[in-house]
Amino acid sequence: MEKQFLSIAEACLALCCGRSKLYELISSRKLKAAHLGRKIIISAAEVQRFLEALPAYDAKPTSRNPK
């Protein structure tokens, strides 16, 4: 059974970011979190929603030998 809620450490792994960036996303309300006692939890669905809302990366070809 897949986890429905993630701890801060687990959410950092899922989002490939550090704790500071995760807390920044939470405080700016870009990512919703909840308190469970003293622990902060984030729903796995919220992490998925956040990832799907990110803009696509459009890589532009670069020249290896600039003139």
Protein backbone atom coordinates (compact mmCIF):
# COMPACT_ATOMS: atom_id res chain seq x y z
CA MET A 1 0.00 0.00 0.00
CA GLU A 2 1.36 3.38 -1.02
CA LYS A 3 1.59 6.09 1.63
CA GLN A 4 -1.12 8.74 1.55
CA PHE A 5 0.84 11.27 3.61
CA LEU A 6 4.52 12.16 3.57
CA SER A 7 6.82 13.58 6.21
CA ILE A 8 9.01 16.56 5.39
CA ALA A 9 11.97 14.25 4.69
CA GLU A 10 9.88 12.01 2.42
CA ALA A 11 8.44 15.00 0.55
CA CYS A 12 11.97 16.35 0.03
CA LEU A 13 12.96 13.05 -1.57
CA ALA A 14 9.83 12.99 -3.74
CA LEU A 15 10.41 16.56 -4.95
CA CYS A 16 14.22 16.32 -5.18
CA CYS A 17 14.64 19.44 -3.07
CA GLY A 18 16.03 20.38 0.31
CA ARG A 19 14.19 21.14 3.53
CA SER A 20 14.62 24.90 3.16
CA LYS A 21 13.08 24.91 -0.31
CA LEU A 22 10.20 22.71 0.88
CA TYR A 23 9.46 25.02 3.81
CA GLU A 24 9.63 27.97 1.38
CA LEU A 25 7.03 26.29 -0.87
CA ILE A 26 4.79 25.64 2.14
CA SER A 27 5.08 29.19 3.53
CA SER A 28 4.38 30.70 0.09
CA ARG A 29 1.29 28.43 -0.14
CA LYS A 30 2.47 26.79 -3.33
CA LEU A 31 2.36 23.47 -1.49
CA LYS A 32 -0.30 22.64 1.11
CA ALA A 33 0.73 20.97 4.36
CA ALA A 34 -0.93 20.14 7.66
CA HIS A 35 0.13 19.72 11.28
CA LEU A 36 -0.39 16.37 12.97
CA GLY A 37 0.58 17.22 16.50
CA ARG A 38 4.09 18.63 16.15
CA LYS A 39 4.72 16.85 12.85
CA ILE A 40 4.13 18.48 9.46
CA ILE A 41 2.64 16.18 6.84
CA ILE A 42 1.94 16.62 3.15
CA SER A 43 -0.48 14.46 1.20
CA ALA A 44 0.99 12.42 -1.63
CA ALA A 45 -1.81 13.76 -3.84
CA GLU A 46 -0.70 17.34 -3.08
CA VAL A 47 2.88 16.50 -4.05
CA GLN A 48 1.59 14.97 -7.31
CA ARG A 49 -0.60 18.04 -7.99
CA PHE A 50 2.36 20.35 -7.41
CA LEU A 51 4.60 18.37 -9.77
CA GLU A 52 1.96 18.28 -12.51
CA ALA A 53 1.48 22.07 -12.23
CA LEU A 54 5.16 22.81 -12.87
CA PRO A 55 5.93 24.25 -16.30
CA ALA A 56 7.59 21.94 -18.79
CA TYR A 57 11.31 22.38 -19.31
CA ASP A 58 12.02 23.57 -22.85
CA ALA A 59 15.67 22.83 -23.51
CA LYS A 60 17.16 24.99 -26.18
CA PRO A 61 20.09 23.59 -28.15
CA THR A 62 23.36 25.33 -27.39
CA SER A 63 26.46 25.52 -29.46
CA ARG A 64 29.45 23.73 -27.98
CA ASN A 65 31.86 26.02 -29.83
CA PRO A 66 30.62 29.60 -29.46
CA LYS A 67 32.27 32.04 -31.85
